[in-house]
C-alpha atoms as a PDB file:
ATOM      1  CA  MET A   1       0.000   0.000   0.000  1.00  0.00           C
ATOM      2  CA  VAL A   2       2.947   2.263   0.580  1.00  0.00           C
ATOM      3  CA  SER A   3       3.906   1.752  -3.073  1.00  0.00           C
ATOM      4  CA  TYR A   4       0.506   3.239  -4.002  1.00  0.00           C
ATOM      5  CA  GLY A   5       1.293   6.431  -2.090  1.00  0.00           C
ATOM      6  CA  LEU A   6      -0.324   5.812   1.298  1.00  0.00           C
ATOM      7  CA  ILE A   7       1.772   6.872   4.260  1.00  0.00           C
ATOM      8  CA  PRO A   8       2.651   4.201   6.858  1.00  0.00           C
ATOM      9  CA  GLU A   9       0.765   6.022   9.629  1.00  0.00           C
ATOM     10  CA  PHE A  10      -2.443   5.798   7.609  1.00  0.00           C
ATOM     11  CA  ILE A  11      -1.883   2.126   6.725  1.00  0.00           C
ATOM     12  CA  GLY A  12      -1.404   1.321  10.420  1.00  0.00           C
ATOM     13  CA  ARG A  13      -4.985   2.421  11.108  1.00  0.00           C
ATOM     14  CA  PHE A  14      -6.419  -0.448   9.062  1.00  0.00           C
ATOM     15  CA  THR A  15      -7.335  -3.286  11.411  1.00  0.00           C
ATOM     16  CA  SER A  16      -7.256  -5.878   8.670  1.00  0.00           C
ATOM     17  CA  ILE A  17      -6.444  -6.055   5.012  1.00  0.00           C
ATOM     18  CA  SER A  18      -8.226  -8.524   2.741  1.00  0.00           C
ATOM     19  CA  VAL A  19      -7.383  -9.546  -0.759  1.00  0.00           C
ATOM     20  CA  LEU A  20     -10.464 -10.070  -2.905  1.00  0.00           C
ATOM     21  CA  ASP A  21     -10.669 -12.264  -5.958  1.00  0.00           C
ATOM     22  CA  THR A  22     -13.134 -11.736  -8.776  1.00  0.00           C
ATOM     23  CA  LEU A  23     -16.221 -13.895  -8.424  1.00  0.00           C
ATOM     24  CA  ASN A  24     -17.024 -16.347 -11.206  1.00  0.00           C
ATOM     25  CA  SER A  25     -20.405 -17.751 -12.250  1.00  0.00           C
ATOM     26  CA  ASP A  26     -20.179 -20.722  -9.875  1.00  0.00           C
ATOM     27  CA  ASP A  27     -19.370 -18.393  -6.966  1.00  0.00           C
ATOM     28  CA  LEU A  28     -22.392 -16.223  -7.727  1.00  0.00           C
ATOM     29  CA  ILE A  29     -24.714 -19.240  -7.953  1.00  0.00           C
ATOM     30  CA  GLU A  30     -23.315 -20.481  -4.649  1.00  0.00           C
ATOM     31  CA  ILE A  31     -24.106 -17.103  -3.073  1.00  0.00           C
ATOM     32  CA  LEU A  32     -27.656 -17.145  -4.450  1.00  0.00           C
ATOM     33  CA  VAL A  33     -28.508 -20.726  -3.600  1.00  0.00           C
ATOM     34  CA  ASN A  34     -26.617 -21.543  -0.414  1.00  0.00           C
ATOM     35  CA  SER A  35     -26.073 -18.254   1.385  1.00  0.00           C
ATOM     36  CA  GLN A  36     -28.410 -17.887   4.350  1.00  0.00           C
ATOM     37  CA  ASP A  37     -28.854 -14.151   3.852  1.00  0.00           C
ATOM     38  CA  SER A  38     -28.907 -14.043   0.052  1.00  0.00           C
ATOM     39  CA  ILE A  39     -31.299 -11.818  -1.862  1.00  0.00           C
ATOM     40  CA  LEU A  40     -32.921 -14.950  -3.298  1.00  0.00           C
ATOM     41  CA  GLN A  41     -33.670 -16.330   0.169  1.00  0.00           C
ATOM     42  CA  LYS A  42     -35.108 -12.969   1.238  1.00  0.00           C
ATOM     43  CA  LYS A  43     -37.406 -12.920  -1.806  1.00  0.00           C
ATOM     44  CA  LYS A  44     -38.516 -16.519  -1.188  1.00  0.00           C
ATOM     45  CA  ASN A  45     -39.359 -15.583   2.399  1.00  0.00           C
ATOM     46  CA  LEU A  46     -41.368 -12.576   1.197  1.00  0.00           C
ATOM     47  CA  PHE A  47     -43.372 -14.722  -1.231  1.00  0.00           C
ATOM     48  CA  ASN A  48     -43.915 -17.344   1.501  1.00  0.00           C
ATOM     49  CA  VAL A  49     -45.568 -14.690   3.690  1.00  0.00           C
ATOM     50  CA  TYR A  50     -48.378 -14.714   1.113  1.00  0.00           C
ATOM     51  CA  GLY A  51     -48.388 -18.509   0.777  1.00  0.00           C
ATOM     52  CA  ILE A  52     -46.709 -18.401  -2.632  1.00  0.00           C
ATOM     53  CA  GLU A  53     -43.683 -20.517  -3.462  1.00  0.00           C
ATOM     54  CA  LEU A  54     -41.022 -18.753  -5.544  1.00  0.00           C
ATOM     55  CA  ILE A  55     -39.053 -21.064  -7.811  1.00  0.00           C
ATOM     56  CA  ILE A  56     -36.089 -19.981  -9.924  1.00  0.00           C
ATOM     57  CA  ASP A  57     -34.949 -22.615 -12.405  1.00  0.00           C
ATOM     58  CA  ARG A  58     -31.329 -23.404 -13.221  1.00  0.00           C
ATOM     59  CA  ALA A  59     -31.391 -21.627 -16.604  1.00  0.00           C
ATOM     60  CA  ALA A  60     -32.629 -18.462 -14.877  1.00  0.00           C
ATOM     61  CA  LEU A  61     -29.842 -18.721 -12.287  1.00  0.00           C
ATOM     62  CA  ASN A  62     -27.308 -18.983 -15.105  1.00  0.00           C
ATOM     63  CA  ALA A  63     -28.828 -15.979 -16.878  1.00  0.00           C
ATOM     64  CA  ILE A  64     -28.796 -13.958 -13.643  1.00  0.00           C
ATOM     65  CA  THR A  65     -25.141 -14.750 -13.019  1.00  0.00           C
ATOM     66  CA  SER A  66     -24.243 -13.921 -16.637  1.00  0.00           C
ATOM     67  CA  LYS A  67     -25.838 -10.507 -16.252  1.00  0.00           C
ATOM     68  CA  ALA A  68     -24.117 -10.049 -12.897  1.00  0.00           C
ATOM     69  CA  LEU A  69     -20.720 -10.880 -14.377  1.00  0.00           C
ATOM     70  CA  ALA A  70     -21.320  -8.317 -17.121  1.00  0.00           C
ATOM     71  CA  LEU A  71     -22.047  -5.638 -14.494  1.00  0.00           C
ATOM     72  CA  ASN A  72     -18.809  -6.604 -12.695  1.00  0.00           C
ATOM     73  CA  THR A  73     -20.030  -5.623  -9.221  1.00  0.00           C
ATOM     74  CA  GLY A  74     -20.226  -9.082  -7.642  1.00  0.00           C
ATOM     75  CA  ASP A  75     -23.013  -9.789  -5.165  1.00  0.00           C
ATOM     76  CA  ARG A  76     -24.413  -6.284  -5.546  1.00  0.00           C
ATOM     77  CA  ALA A  77     -25.223  -7.085  -9.157  1.00  0.00           C
ATOM     78  CA  LEU A  78     -27.210 -10.140  -8.042  1.00  0.00           C
ATOM     79  CA  THR A  79     -29.308  -7.966  -5.758  1.00  0.00           C
ATOM     80  CA  ARG A  80     -29.948  -5.433  -8.510  1.00  0.00           C
ATOM     81  CA  ILE A  81     -30.927  -8.033 -11.111  1.00  0.00           C
ATOM     82  CA  ILE A  82     -33.268  -9.983  -8.829  1.00  0.00           C
ATOM     83  CA  ASN A  83     -34.902  -6.816  -7.520  1.00  0.00           C
ATOM     84  CA  ASP A  84     -35.458  -5.590 -11.089  1.00  0.00           C
ATOM     85  CA  CYS A  85     -36.898  -8.949 -12.130  1.00  0.00           C
ATOM     86  CA  LEU A  86     -39.334  -9.333  -9.232  1.00  0.00           C
ATOM     87  CA  ARG A  87     -40.245  -5.702  -8.519  1.00  0.00           C
ATOM     88  CA  ASP A  88     -43.539  -5.623 -10.440  1.00  0.00           C
ATOM     89  CA  ILE A  89     -44.838  -8.973  -9.241  1.00  0.00           C
ATOM     90  CA  GLU A  90     -43.976  -8.239  -5.593  1.00  0.00           C
ATOM     91  CA  PHE A  91     -46.570  -5.476  -5.543  1.00  0.00           C
ATOM     92  CA  GLN A  92     -49.175  -7.939  -6.793  1.00  0.00           C
ATOM     93  CA  LEU A  93     -48.520 -10.641  -4.178  1.00  0.00           C
ATOM     94  CA  PRO A  94     -51.587  -9.846  -2.012  1.00  0.00           C
ATOM     95  CA  GLU A  95     -53.915 -10.017  -5.032  1.00  0.00           C
ATOM     96  CA  LEU A  96     -52.250 -13.161  -6.363  1.00  0.00           C
ATOM     97  CA  ALA A  97     -52.631 -14.852  -2.998  1.00  0.00           C
ATOM     98  CA  GLU A  98     -56.311 -13.861  -2.873  1.00  0.00           C
ATOM     99  CA  VAL A  99     -57.059 -15.622  -6.154  1.00  0.00           C
ATOM    100  CA  GLY A 100     -55.238 -18.771  -5.035  1.00  0.00           C
ATOM    101  CA  ILE A 101     -51.860 -18.520  -6.758  1.00  0.00           C
ATOM    102  CA  SER A 102     -49.630 -21.074  -5.068  1.00  0.00           C
ATOM    103  CA  GLN A 103     -46.431 -20.941  -7.081  1.00  0.00           C
ATOM    104  CA  ILE A 104     -44.499 -18.535  -9.299  1.00  0.00           C
ATOM    105  CA  THR A 105     -41.599 -19.775 -11.387  1.00  0.00           C
ATOM    106  CA  VAL A 106     -38.891 -17.523 -12.774  1.00  0.00           C
ATOM    107  CA  THR A 107     -37.363 -18.858 -15.980  1.00  0.00           C
ATOM    108  CA  GLU A 108     -34.762 -17.498 -18.348  1.00  0.00           C
ATOM    109  CA  GLN A 109     -37.641 -16.074 -20.423  1.00  0.00           C
ATOM    110  CA  THR A 110     -38.823 -14.160 -17.343  1.00  0.00           C
ATOM    111  CA  LEU A 111     -35.574 -12.222 -17.338  1.00  0.00           C
ATOM    112  CA  LEU A 112     -35.965 -11.404 -21.013  1.00  0.00           C
ATOM    113  CA  ASN A 113     -39.640 -10.445 -21.193  1.00  0.00           C
ATOM    114  CA  SER A 114     -41.175 -10.468 -17.677  1.00  0.00           C
ATOM    115  CA  LYS A 115     -43.345 -13.549 -18.265  1.00  0.00           C
ATOM    116  CA  PHE A 116     -43.812 -15.551 -15.091  1.00  0.00           C
ATOM    117  CA  PHE A 117     -45.024 -19.130 -14.893  1.00  0.00           C
ATOM    118  CA  ILE A 118     -47.878 -18.913 -12.388  1.00  0.00           C
ATOM    119  CA  GLN A 119     -49.555 -21.938 -10.845  1.00  0.00           C
ATOM    120  CA  THR A 120     -52.810 -22.139  -8.919  1.00  0.00           C
ATOM    121  CA  PRO A 121     -54.168 -25.333  -7.367  1.00  0.00           C
ATOM    122  CA  CYS A 122     -56.300 -26.048 -10.481  1.00  0.00           C
ATOM    123  CA  LEU A 123     -54.771 -23.869 -13.223  1.00  0.00           C
ATOM    124  CA  THR A 124     -51.307 -23.354 -14.680  1.00  0.00           C
ATOM    125  CA  LYS A 125     -50.534 -20.484 -17.034  1.00  0.00           C
ATOM    126  CA  THR A 126     -47.915 -17.995 -18.105  1.00  0.00           C
ATOM    127  CA  GLN A 127     -48.633 -14.383 -17.238  1.00  0.00           C
ATOM    128  CA  SER A 128     -46.957 -11.303 -18.580  1.00  0.00           C
ATOM    129  CA  LEU A 129     -46.584  -8.327 -16.247  1.00  0.00           C
END
């Protein structure tokens, strides 16, 4: 850090220094799927409040991580992409629960054109928002 122009007195104030590696697609999927506090888990919990199961298929996970890699901001990109994808449908959760929607599936097509696969106990359809 001294070679970058920081004076030793300033460097001594850092309690720890970490070296960060760039995340790859597998790392981002691991964060989404297995991290306890991931944005995906938070969204699933929100949907569960209304009795709706949120499913994101593998192709959608790959598309999300591809977009995140293009943004080059790591986990923050995952949060942005998932929030953008689910923003409109989140506001409709109370109404969807009222009419008996039990499951919403996010596919790769959802990311491209906002079409969700919506399942009720007796009806399955694709809905565009």
